[in-house]
N, C-alpha and C. Protein backbone atom coordinates (compact mmCIF):
# COMPACT_ATOMS: atom_id res chain seq x y z
N MET A 1 0.64 -0.91 0.04
CA MET A 1 -0.34 0.08 -0.11
C MET A 1 1.30 1.10 -0.06
N PRO A 2 0.34 2.22 -0.74
CA PRO A 2 1.14 3.62 -1.04
C PRO A 2 1.35 4.41 0.19
N VAL A 3 2.74 5.34 1.10
CA VAL A 3 1.39 5.46 1.76
C VAL A 3 1.57 7.55 1.56
N ASN A 4 0.61 8.11 1.44
CA ASN A 4 0.10 9.40 1.21
C ASN A 4 1.32 10.58 1.80
N MET A 5 1.51 10.71 0.96
CA MET A 5 2.31 12.08 1.57
C MET A 5 1.61 13.64 1.20
N LEU A 6 2.46 14.29 2.55
CA LEU A 6 2.03 15.77 3.23
C LEU A 6 2.01 16.50 2.48
N LYS A 7 1.24 17.44 1.53
CA LYS A 7 2.12 18.88 0.64
C LYS A 7 1.81 19.15 1.46
N PRO A 8 2.84 20.46 1.26
CA PRO A 8 3.05 22.19 1.60
C PRO A 8 1.49 22.69 1.28
N VAL A 9 1.85 23.79 2.80
CA VAL A 9 0.51 24.14 2.32
C VAL A 9 1.34 25.70 1.89
N PRO A 10 -0.01 26.12 0.93
CA PRO A 10 0.69 27.19 0.60
C PRO A 10 0.42 28.33 0.85
N VAL A 11 2.03 29.51 0.62
CA VAL A 11 2.07 30.48 1.48
C VAL A 11 1.86 31.56 1.76
N LYS A 12 0.68 32.50 1.92
CA LYS A 12 -0.16 33.59 1.19
C LYS A 12 1.07 34.99 1.32
N THR A 13 0.40 35.73 0.89
CA THR A 13 1.37 37.25 0.63
C THR A 13 0.67 37.79 1.49
N GLY A 14 1.02 38.99 1.89
CA GLY A 14 0.03 40.14 2.88
C GLY A 14 -0.11 41.01 1.40
N VAL A 15 -1.15 41.81 1.58
CA VAL A 15 -1.94 43.02 0.97
C VAL A 15 -0.80 43.98 1.07
N LYS A 16 -0.20 44.52 -0.02
CA LYS A 16 0.59 45.33 -0.64
C LYS A 16 -0.39 46.46 -0.43
N ILE A 17 0.22 47.74 0.52
CA ILE A 17 -0.80 48.67 0.96
C ILE A 17 -0.07 49.99 0.74
N ALA A 18 -0.15 51.00 0.36
CA ALA A 18 0.67 52.38 -0.22
C ALA A 18 1.10 52.69 0.69
N SER A 19 2.29 53.46 0.84
CA SER A 19 2.69 54.27 2.34
C SER A 19 2.57 55.60 2.41
N LYS A 20 0.61 56.27 1.04
CA LYS A 20 0.94 56.90 1.39
C LYS A 20 -0.59 56.88 2.42
N SER A 21 -1.28 56.04 2.57
CA SER A 21 -2.53 55.78 2.85
C SER A 21 -2.57 55.05 4.55
N ILE A 22 -1.38 54.78 5.14
CA ILE A 22 -0.98 54.86 5.81
C ILE A 22 -0.66 55.84 7.17
N LYS A 23 -1.31 56.23 7.97
CA LYS A 23 -1.69 57.44 8.71
C LYS A 23 -0.64 57.85 10.12
N ALA A 24 -0.04 59.14 10.50
CA ALA A 24 0.63 58.81 11.74
C ALA A 24 -0.24 58.75 12.74
N PRO A 25 0.05 58.66 14.60
CA PRO A 25 -0.73 58.08 15.13
C PRO A 25 -0.94 60.18 15.53
N GLN A 26 -0.05 60.57 15.54
CA GLN A 26 -0.27 62.16 15.89
C GLN A 26 -1.90 62.75 14.77
N GLU A 27 -2.48 61.81 14.04
CA GLU A 27 -3.11 62.62 12.68
C GLU A 27 -4.00 62.12 13.33
N ILE A 28 -3.40 60.66 14.07
CA ILE A 28 -5.18 60.64 14.53
C ILE A 28 -6.05 60.83 15.49
N LYS A 29 -4.98 61.11 16.65
CA LYS A 29 -5.38 62.01 17.82
C LYS A 29 -5.77 63.31 17.86
N THR A 30 -4.70 63.92 16.68
CA THR A 30 -6.20 65.38 15.79
C THR A 30 -7.45 65.33 15.53
N LYS A 31 -7.20 64.60 14.95
CA LYS A 31 -9.17 63.79 14.23
C LYS A 31 -10.06 64.23 15.27
N LYS A 32 -9.64 62.75 16.65
CA LYS A 32 -10.31 62.65 17.23
C LYS A 32 -11.22 63.50 17.89
N THR A 33 -9.89 64.33 19.11
CA THR A 33 -9.91 65.36 19.83
C THR A 33 -10.51 66.63 19.39
N ALA A 34 -10.54 66.90 17.45
CA ALA A 34 -11.17 67.23 17.62
C ALA A 34 -12.61 67.21 17.03
N ALA A 35 -12.86 65.96 16.88
CA ALA A 35 -14.44 65.63 17.00
C ALA A 35 -14.83 65.52 18.35
N ASN A 36 -14.54 65.70 19.26
CA ASN A 36 -14.47 65.43 20.78
C ASN A 36 -15.02 66.73 21.28
N GLN A 37 -14.26 67.86 20.98
CA GLN A 37 -14.50 68.78 21.13
C GLN A 37 -15.46 69.43 20.63
N LYS A 38 -16.21 69.38 19.76
CA LYS A 38 -17.25 69.65 18.97
C LYS A 38 -18.93 68.89 19.68
N ASN A 39 -18.41 68.06 19.97
CA ASN A 39 -19.26 67.43 20.40
C ASN A 39 -19.33 67.76 21.86
N PHE A 40 -18.19 67.90 22.68
CA PHE A 40 -18.67 68.95 24.18
C PHE A 40 -18.58 70.33 24.71
N ALA A 41 -18.96 70.70 23.59
CA ALA A 41 -18.21 72.68 23.61
C ALA A 41 -19.75 73.15 24.36
N VAL A 42 -19.25 74.11 25.29
CA VAL A 42 -19.70 74.82 26.51
C VAL A 42 -20.77 75.55 25.69
N LYS A 43 -22.38 75.37 26.09
CA LYS A 43 -23.79 75.93 24.90
C LYS A 43 -23.62 77.45 26.19
N LYS A 44 -23.86 76.99 27.26
CA LYS A 44 -23.85 78.04 28.62
C LYS A 44 -22.75 79.03 29.26
N ASP A 45 -23.33 80.22 29.18
CA ASP A 45 -22.02 80.62 30.39
C ASP A 45 -22.22 80.52 32.20
N ILE A 46 -21.47 80.10 32.65
CA ILE A 46 -21.41 79.46 33.66
C ILE A 46 -20.24 80.52 34.32
N ALA A 47 -21.60 81.56 35.45
CA ALA A 47 -21.05 82.64 36.32
C ALA A 47 -20.65 82.23 37.49
N ILE A 48 -19.51 82.41 37.51
CA ILE A 48 -18.97 82.82 38.90
C ILE A 48 -18.24 83.69 39.82
N THR A 49 -19.27 82.80 41.23
CA THR A 49 -19.39 84.14 42.13
C THR A 49 -17.85 84.58 42.71
N PRO A 50 -17.42 85.38 42.82
CA PRO A 50 -16.46 85.68 44.17
C PRO A 50 -16.48 85.45 45.40
N ALA A 51 -15.62 84.89 45.64
CA ALA A 51 -15.12 83.91 46.84
C ALA A 51 -15.77 84.67 48.26
N PRO A 52 -16.48 84.66 49.57
CA PRO A 52 -16.67 85.75 50.80
C PRO A 52 -15.09 85.87 50.80
N ASN A 53 -15.21 87.24 51.54
CA ASN A 53 -13.67 87.73 52.07
C ASN A 53 -13.80 87.16 53.68
N LEU A 54 -12.83 86.15 53.57
CA LEU A 54 -12.59 85.52 55.17
C LEU A 54 -11.70 86.17 56.37
N GLU A 55 -10.72 87.48 55.65
CA GLU A 55 -10.46 88.63 56.25
C GLU A 55 -10.95 89.71 56.87
N SER A 56 -12.33 89.72 56.15
CA SER A 56 -12.72 90.84 57.25
C SER A 56 -13.95 90.90 58.06
N LYS A 57 -13.55 89.49 58.93
CA LYS A 57 -13.85 89.34 60.45
C LYS A 57 -12.97 90.22 60.77
N PRO A 58 -13.29 90.88 62.32
CA PRO A 58 -12.23 91.38 62.68
C PRO A 58 -11.10 90.78 63.16
N LYS A 59 -10.08 91.36 63.63
CA LYS A 59 -8.81 90.15 63.67
C LYS A 59 -8.76 90.26 65.37
N ASN A 60 -9.83 90.98 66.03
CA ASN A 60 -9.45 91.28 67.61
C ASN A 60 -10.52 89.96 68.42
N GLU A 61 -11.22 89.16 67.52
CA GLU A 61 -11.72 88.32 67.78
C GLU A 61 -11.07 86.77 67.61
N ASN A 62 -11.16 86.28 69.46
CA ASN A 62 -9.92 85.29 69.87
C ASN A 62 -11.37 84.00 69.73
N ILE A 63 -11.42 82.95 68.84
CA ILE A 63 -11.72 82.10 69.49
C ILE A 63 -11.41 80.59 69.68
N ASP A 64 -11.28 80.57 70.84
CA ASP A 64 -10.91 79.04 71.11
C ASP A 64 -11.25 77.97 70.57
N ILE A 65 -10.87 77.35 69.29
CA ILE A 65 -11.45 76.42 68.67
C ILE A 65 -12.16 74.49 69.63
N LYS A 66 -10.26 74.72 70.35
CA LYS A 66 -10.27 73.34 70.53
C LYS A 66 -11.97 73.23 71.80
N LYS A 67 -11.93 74.67 72.42
CA LYS A 67 -12.83 75.05 73.84
C LYS A 67 -14.40 74.57 72.99
N GLU A 68 -14.91 74.79 72.37
CA GLU A 68 -16.03 75.18 70.82
C GLU A 68 -16.16 73.80 70.57
N ALA A 69 -15.19 72.71 70.36
CA ALA A 69 -15.90 72.24 69.71
C ALA A 69 -16.02 70.82 71.09
N ASN A 70 -15.21 70.71 72.11
CA ASN A 70 -15.55 70.14 73.05
C ASN A 70 -16.61 70.75 73.28
N ASP A 71 -17.13 71.78 73.99
CA ASP A 71 -18.40 71.84 74.33
C ASP A 71 -19.21 71.53 73.23
N LYS A 72 -19.51 71.71 71.99
CA LYS A 72 -20.17 70.60 71.48
C LYS A 72 -20.65 69.36 70.93
N LEU A 73 -19.30 68.89 70.33
CA LEU A 73 -19.71 67.38 70.42
C LEU A 73 -19.00 66.41 71.36
N LEU A 74 -19.21 66.89 72.74
CA LEU A 74 -18.75 65.75 73.68
C LEU A 74 -20.22 65.75 74.48
N ASN A 75 -20.56 65.27 74.90
CA ASN A 75 -21.50 64.65 76.29
C ASN A 75 -20.74 64.78 77.92
N PHE A 76 -20.32 64.98 77.36
CA PHE A 76 -19.42 65.34 79.46
C PHE A 76 -19.34 66.43 79.09
N VAL A 77 -19.79 67.45 78.70
CA VAL A 77 -19.75 68.87 79.36
C VAL A 77 -20.68 69.57 79.65
N ASN A 78 -21.58 68.70 81.16
CA ASN A 78 -21.93 68.65 82.04
C ASN A 78 -21.46 68.59 83.02
N ILE A 79 -20.50 67.19 83.14
CA ILE A 79 -18.97 67.13 84.10
C ILE A 79 -18.61 68.55 84.38
N ARG A 80 -18.25 69.10 83.06
CA ARG A 80 -17.28 70.37 83.06
C ARG A 80 -17.87 71.30 83.87
N LYS A 81 -19.04 71.55 83.95
CA LYS A 81 -20.35 72.52 83.50
C LYS A 81 -19.78 72.74 85.50
N ILE A 82 -19.77 71.36 86.01
CA ILE A 82 -20.82 71.56 87.26
C ILE A 82 -18.98 71.58 87.90
N LEU A 83 -17.60 71.12 87.36
CA LEU A 83 -16.87 71.14 87.80
C LEU A 83 -16.65 73.05 88.00
N ASN A 84 -15.85 73.35 86.37
CA ASN A 84 -15.94 74.61 86.25
C ASN A 84 -16.89 75.80 87.07
N ASN A 85 -18.21 75.85 87.91
CA ASN A 85 -18.58 76.56 88.29
C ASN A 85 -19.17 76.01 89.57
N CYS A 86 -19.07 75.60 89.88
CA CYS A 86 -19.46 75.11 91.80
C CYS A 86 -18.29 75.06 92.27
N LYS A 87 -18.66 75.90 93.96
CA LYS A 87 -17.43 75.64 94.48
C LYS A 87 -16.45 74.82 95.42
N MET A 88 -15.78 74.93 95.54
CA MET A 88 -15.32 73.59 96.19
C MET A 88 -15.77 73.29 97.59
N GLY A 89 -16.43 72.45 97.82
CA GLY A 89 -17.16 72.10 98.74
C GLY A 89 -19.13 71.80 99.01
N GLN A 90 -18.91 73.01 98.26
CA GLN A 90 -20.61 72.99 97.38
C GLN A 90 -21.41 71.89 96.85
N THR A 91 -22.47 71.55 97.15
CA THR A 91 -23.62 70.62 97.74
C THR A 91 -24.99 70.75 96.20
N MET A 92 -24.63 70.46 95.34
CA MET A 92 -26.55 70.70 94.70
C MET A 92 -26.61 69.49 94.52
N THR A 93 -28.78 69.93 94.48
CA THR A 93 -29.05 69.02 94.31
C THR A 93 -29.40 68.85 92.80
N GLN A 94 -30.35 67.89 93.07
CA GLN A 94 -30.69 67.72 90.61
C GLN A 94 -31.69 69.24 90.56
N GLU A 95 -32.17 69.87 91.55
CA GLU A 95 -33.02 70.93 90.96
C GLU A 95 -32.01 71.68 90.27
N GLN A 96 -31.31 72.03 91.27
CA GLN A 96 -30.06 73.00 91.06
C GLN A 96 -29.25 73.39 90.24
N LEU A 97 -29.26 71.57 89.73
CA LEU A 97 -27.92 71.73 88.58
C LEU A 97 -28.89 71.98 87.50
N THR A 98 -30.46 71.81 87.43
CA THR A 98 -30.36 71.95 86.23
C THR A 98 -31.12 73.25 86.33
N GLN A 99 -31.06 74.14 86.76
CA GLN A 99 -31.52 75.84 86.88
C GLN A 99 -30.24 76.09 87.06
N ASN A 100 -29.45 75.78 87.65
CA ASN A 100 -28.58 77.17 87.95
C ASN A 100 -27.12 76.69 86.16
N PHE A 101 -27.45 75.49 86.46
CA PHE A 101 -26.08 75.42 85.37
C PHE A 101 -26.73 74.63 83.67
N GLU A 102 -28.06 74.78 83.72
CA GLU A 102 -29.20 74.18 82.48
C GLU A 102 -28.74 73.01 81.82
N ILE A 103 -28.43 72.13 82.88
CA ILE A 103 -28.76 70.88 82.90
C ILE A 103 -29.56 70.25 82.30
N PRO A 104 -29.66 69.49 81.37
CA PRO A 104 -31.01 68.91 80.63
C PRO A 104 -31.57 67.88 82.16
N GLU A 105 -32.81 67.84 82.45
CA GLU A 105 -33.47 67.13 83.69
C GLU A 105 -32.61 66.19 83.33
N GLU A 106 -33.42 65.18 82.00
CA GLU A 106 -32.53 63.37 81.81
C GLU A 106 -31.26 63.23 82.25
N ALA A 107 -30.15 63.91 82.52
CA ALA A 107 -28.86 63.53 82.54
C ALA A 107 -28.26 63.63 83.88
N VAL A 108 -29.83 64.20 84.40
CA VAL A 108 -29.04 63.98 86.08
C VAL A 108 -30.76 63.77 86.22
N LYS A 109 -31.03 62.68 85.91
CA LYS A 109 -32.33 62.04 87.23
C LYS A 109 -32.01 61.19 87.87
N LEU A 110 -31.00 60.38 87.74
CA LEU A 110 -31.15 59.48 88.77
C LEU A 110 -30.23 60.17 90.40
N VAL A 111 -29.07 61.66 89.57
CA VAL A 111 -28.40 62.37 91.06
C VAL A 111 -29.21 62.67 92.06
N LYS A 112 -29.29 62.11 93.12
CA LYS A 112 -29.89 63.50 94.50
C LYS A 112 -29.03 64.14 94.92
N SER A 113 -27.25 64.51 94.54
CA SER A 113 -26.61 65.42 94.80
C SER A 113 -25.35 65.15 94.27
N VAL A 114 -24.62 66.25 94.74
CA VAL A 114 -23.11 66.59 93.58
C VAL A 114 -22.71 67.36 94.29
N THR A 115 -21.69 66.86 95.57
CA THR A 115 -20.80 67.95 95.55
C THR A 115 -19.45 68.10 95.55
N LYS A 116 -18.41 69.08 95.22
CA LYS A 116 -16.97 69.55 94.58
C LYS A 116 -16.06 69.12 95.48
N THR A 117 -15.34 67.86 95.27
CA THR A 117 -14.83 68.01 96.73
C THR A 117 -12.95 68.25 96.59
N ALA A 118 -12.68 68.42 95.36
CA ALA A 118 -11.57 68.95 94.38
C ALA A 118 -11.79 69.59 93.39
N GLU A 119 -10.31 69.85 92.70
CA GLU A 119 -10.15 70.02 91.04
C GLU A 119 -11.22 69.85 90.38
N ASN A 120 -10.70 68.52 90.33
CA ASN A 120 -11.26 67.36 89.60
C ASN A 120 -11.91 66.16 90.08
N GLU A 121 -13.17 66.63 91.28
CA GLU A 121 -13.04 65.38 91.90
C GLU A 121 -14.75 65.43 92.53
N LEU A 122 -15.84 64.62 92.46
CA LEU A 122 -16.95 65.29 92.36
C LEU A 122 -17.63 63.61 93.37
N SER A 123 -18.63 63.99 94.47
CA SER A 123 -18.59 63.44 95.36
C SER A 123 -20.28 63.13 95.35
N VAL A 124 -20.93 61.91 94.26
CA VAL A 124 -22.15 61.96 93.73
C VAL A 124 -23.17 61.06 94.89
N LYS A 125 -24.18 61.47 94.91
CA LYS A 125 -25.49 60.61 96.23
C LYS A 125 -26.26 60.44 94.43
N TRP A 126 -27.06 59.40 94.60
CA TRP A 126 -27.40 58.63 93.75
C TRP A 126 -28.56 58.34 94.11
N LYS A 127 -30.02 58.48 93.37
CA LYS A 127 -31.69 58.46 93.03
C LYS A 127 -31.43 56.83 93.13
N SER A 128 -32.30 56.63 93.80
CA SER A 128 -32.66 54.31 92.90
C SER A 128 -32.23 54.64 91.71
N THR A 129 -30.75 53.63 91.81
CA THR A 129 -30.70 52.62 90.51
C THR A 129 -30.88 51.68 90.15
N TRP A 130 -31.35 50.98 91.01
CA TRP A 130 -31.60 49.83 91.08
C TRP A 130 -32.21 49.45 89.50
N LEU A 131 -33.16 50.07 88.57
CA LEU A 131 -33.55 49.65 87.43
C LEU A 131 -32.78 50.23 86.73
N VAL A 132 -32.11 50.44 86.32
CA VAL A 132 -30.29 51.02 86.07
C VAL A 132 -29.51 50.06 85.39
N GLU A 133 -29.27 49.47 86.60
CA GLU A 133 -28.50 48.50 87.06
C GLU A 133 -28.81 46.90 87.13
N LYS A 134 -30.09 46.80 86.97
CA LYS A 134 -30.48 45.73 85.67
C LYS A 134 -30.85 46.12 84.45
N VAL A 135 -30.77 46.60 83.44
CA VAL A 135 -30.61 46.63 82.23
C VAL A 135 -29.77 46.83 81.85
N SER A 136 -28.41 47.53 82.80
CA SER A 136 -27.41 47.51 81.86
C SER A 136 -26.33 46.86 82.82
N ASP A 137 -25.09 47.42 82.22
CA ASP A 137 -23.55 46.33 82.96
C ASP A 137 -23.43 47.08 84.36
N ALA A 138 -24.19 48.77 83.97
CA ALA A 138 -23.75 50.02 84.93
C ALA A 138 -23.73 49.25 86.75
N GLU A 139 -22.92 50.03 87.13
CA GLU A 139 -23.04 49.61 89.12
C GLU A 139 -22.61 51.40 89.72
N LEU A 140 -24.06 52.00 90.07
CA LEU A 140 -23.50 52.84 90.94
C LEU A 140 -24.21 53.16 91.80
N GLU A 141 -22.87 53.84 92.53
CA GLU A 141 -23.36 53.71 94.14
C GLU A 141 -22.19 55.06 94.79
N ASP A 142 -22.82 55.56 96.21
CA ASP A 142 -22.90 56.94 96.62
C ASP A 142 -20.95 56.93 97.19
N GLY A 143 -20.85 57.63 96.41
CA GLY A 143 -18.91 57.76 96.18
C GLY A 143 -18.32 58.59 95.34
N LYS A 144 -17.07 58.59 95.32
CA LYS A 144 -16.58 59.99 94.76
C LYS A 144 -16.34 59.54 92.81
N MET A 145 -16.02 60.54 92.14
CA MET A 145 -15.66 60.01 90.76
C MET A 145 -14.84 61.33 90.58
N LYS A 146 -13.46 60.70 90.16
CA LYS A 146 -12.78 61.54 89.78
C LYS A 146 -11.99 61.50 88.23
N VAL A 147 -12.30 63.14 87.93
CA VAL A 147 -12.79 62.91 86.53
C VAL A 147 -10.99 63.93 85.72
N LYS A 148 -10.64 62.83 84.91
CA LYS A 148 -9.76 64.38 84.23
C LYS A 148 -9.83 64.05 82.55
N PHE A 149 -9.76 65.13 82.01
CA PHE A 149 -10.02 65.38 80.75
C PHE A 149 -8.28 65.52 79.77
N LYS A 150 -8.29 65.11 78.63
CA LYS A 150 -7.17 64.96 78.01
C LYS A 150 -7.69 64.67 76.45
N ALA A 151 -7.47 65.84 75.70
CA ALA A 151 -7.25 65.89 74.11
C ALA A 151 -9.65 65.81 74.01
N ASN A 152 -9.64 65.09 73.42
CA ASN A 152 -11.37 64.68 73.37
C ASN A 152 -11.67 63.79 74.31
N LYS A 153 -10.95 63.24 75.04
CA LYS A 153 -11.19 61.89 75.90
C LYS A 153 -11.30 62.69 77.65
N MET A 154 -12.68 61.56 78.22
CA MET A 154 -12.62 61.99 79.54
C MET A 154 -12.35 60.44 80.18
N TYR A 155 -11.32 61.20 81.09
CA TYR A 155 -10.98 59.46 81.94
C TYR A 155 -11.76 59.27 82.96
N MET A 156 -12.71 58.61 83.33
CA MET A 156 -12.97 58.66 85.10
C MET A 156 -12.86 57.50 86.01
N SER A 157 -12.44 57.96 86.98
CA SER A 157 -11.92 56.61 88.24
C SER A 157 -12.93 56.81 89.48
N GLY A 158 -12.53 56.45 90.09
CA GLY A 158 -13.89 56.12 92.01
C GLY A 158 -14.98 55.70 91.42
N ASN A 159 -15.33 55.34 92.73
CA ASN A 159 -16.19 53.92 92.82
C ASN A 159 -17.78 54.20 92.93
N ALA A 160 -17.89 55.86 91.93
CA ALA A 160 -19.46 56.25 91.56
C ALA A 160 -19.86 55.53 90.73
N ILE A 161 -18.90 55.65 90.07
CA ILE A 161 -19.83 54.59 88.44
C ILE A 161 -18.53 53.49 87.86
N GLY A 162 -19.33 52.46 88.28
CA GLY A 162 -18.80 51.18 88.03
C GLY A 162 -19.55 50.02 86.58
N ILE A 163 -18.79 49.40 85.59
CA ILE A 163 -19.05 48.58 84.73
C ILE A 163 -18.61 47.41 85.16
N LYS A 164 -20.14 46.70 85.25
CA LYS A 164 -19.61 45.13 85.29
C LYS A 164 -19.80 44.15 83.66
N TYR A 165 -17.92 43.49 84.10
CA TYR A 165 -17.69 42.37 82.38
C TYR A 165 -17.14 41.36 82.69
N ASN A 166 -17.72 40.33 83.20
CA ASN A 166 -16.86 38.91 82.93
C ASN A 166 -16.98 39.04 84.82
N ARG A 167 -18.24 39.48 85.49
CA ARG A 167 -18.19 39.18 86.82
C ARG A 167 -17.36 40.01 87.59
N LYS A 168 -16.38 41.06 87.33
CA LYS A 168 -16.04 42.04 87.70
C LYS A 168 -16.18 43.13 87.32
N ILE A 169 -15.87 44.65 88.36
CA ILE A 169 -16.37 46.14 88.35
C ILE A 169 -14.98 46.44 88.03
N TYR A 170 -15.46 47.37 86.87
CA TYR A 170 -14.15 48.08 86.45
C TYR A 170 -14.35 49.25 86.66
N ASN A 171 -13.74 50.16 87.56
CA ASN A 171 -14.01 52.24 87.16
C ASN A 171 -13.38 52.40 86.91
N ASN A 172 -12.49 52.49 86.28
CA ASN A 172 -11.15 53.10 84.99
C ASN A 172 -12.22 53.15 84.76
N LEU A 173 -13.02 53.84 83.57
CA LEU A 173 -13.37 54.13 82.56
C LEU A 173 -13.00 54.86 81.68
N VAL A 174 -13.04 55.44 80.17
CA VAL A 174 -12.73 56.38 79.22
C VAL A 174 -13.33 56.23 78.59
N ILE A 175 -13.66 57.67 78.24
CA ILE A 175 -14.80 58.64 77.64
C ILE A 175 -15.00 59.20 76.23
N VAL A 176 -15.28 58.73 74.79
CA VAL A 176 -14.79 59.91 73.92
C VAL A 176 -16.32 59.68 72.82
N GLY A 177 -16.40 60.95 72.89
CA GLY A 177 -18.09 61.28 72.45
C GLY A 177 -19.08 60.62 73.16
N ARG A 178 -19.53 59.96 72.37
CA ARG A 178 -21.10 59.10 73.00
C ARG A 178 -20.76 57.29 73.13
N SER A 179 -19.42 57.40 73.28
CA SER A 179 -19.12 55.98 73.51
C SER A 179 -18.07 56.08 74.87
N ALA A 180 -17.55 54.79 75.42
CA ALA A 180 -17.03 54.38 76.35
C ALA A 180 -16.37 52.94 76.55
N TYR A 181 -15.02 52.93 77.13
CA TYR A 181 -14.97 51.80 77.08
C TYR A 181 -13.82 52.04 78.65
N ILE A 182 -13.55 50.71 79.06
CA ILE A 182 -12.48 50.34 80.02
C ILE A 182 -11.07 49.81 79.29
N PRO A 183 -10.09 50.91 79.64
CA PRO A 183 -9.26 50.03 78.80
C PRO A 183 -8.39 49.17 79.64
N SER A 184 -8.18 48.46 80.72
CA SER A 184 -8.09 47.12 80.20
C SER A 184 -8.47 46.25 79.92
N VAL A 185 -9.90 46.49 79.24
CA VAL A 185 -10.10 45.65 78.71
C VAL A 185 -10.68 45.59 76.94
N LYS A 186 -9.82 44.83 76.24
CA LYS A 186 -9.54 45.08 74.54
C LYS A 186 -11.54 44.77 73.98
N GLY A 187 -11.93 45.72 73.39
CA GLY A 187 -12.48 45.56 72.33
C GLY A 187 -14.25 45.23 73.35
N TYR A 188 -13.76 46.16 74.16
CA TYR A 188 -15.47 45.67 75.29
C TYR A 188 -15.61 47.34 75.05
N SER A 189 -16.42 47.46 74.13
CA SER A 189 -16.96 49.55 74.25
C SER A 189 -18.86 49.29 74.54
N TRP A 190 -18.68 50.55 74.51
CA TRP A 190 -20.64 50.74 74.53
C TRP A 190 -20.87 51.83 74.71
N GLN A 191 -22.76 52.59 73.93
CA GLN A 191 -22.94 53.89 73.46
C GLN A 191 -23.42 54.38 75.05
N ILE A 192 -23.42 55.38 75.17
CA ILE A 192 -23.78 56.11 76.26
C ILE A 192 -25.03 56.79 76.06
N GLY A 193 -26.28 57.00 76.05
CA GLY A 193 -26.83 57.57 75.80
C GLY A 193 -28.64 56.94 74.53
N ARG A 194 -28.87 57.73 73.61
CA ARG A 194 -29.94 56.89 72.87
C ARG A 194 -28.73 56.53 71.94
């Protein structure tokens, strides 16, 4: 039997292109850009208003930006009011706190009285706290509360306020805005208020 031999495939030659028909890349770009500019031409004038003159405020006006931010953003402004406006040894009842320092009633509804015992320390007497303690991890008892403000944080210690976590009560707390945490317990924090 004869064996079939393979036939070579014929080689195709390319089409010859005249050098005049090849365009340089720059020519292609300029034609596309010109076409795009026609499509996206601005049809309406844009009115430009001058920026307000920021230097028009009186230069004598001194604004303490940190104090203003702290007063507006932080929820421990009420404690600052008590520490700043109360005299050493002065005891304030719940009614006096709401009337004299304009502290909202809901912020002091558990407080029976507060006494300023040091520059950064308050002695707190609570009203009935059993409901709060039942529905939360808070542990409130009549005692002292030492407060220290640093940047946008409030560091609190003392036995007046404690947080129960893993069958232990922690009295060293850090409050930042509307959230609080225990510095010695990683990953445990909670929201204050609503």
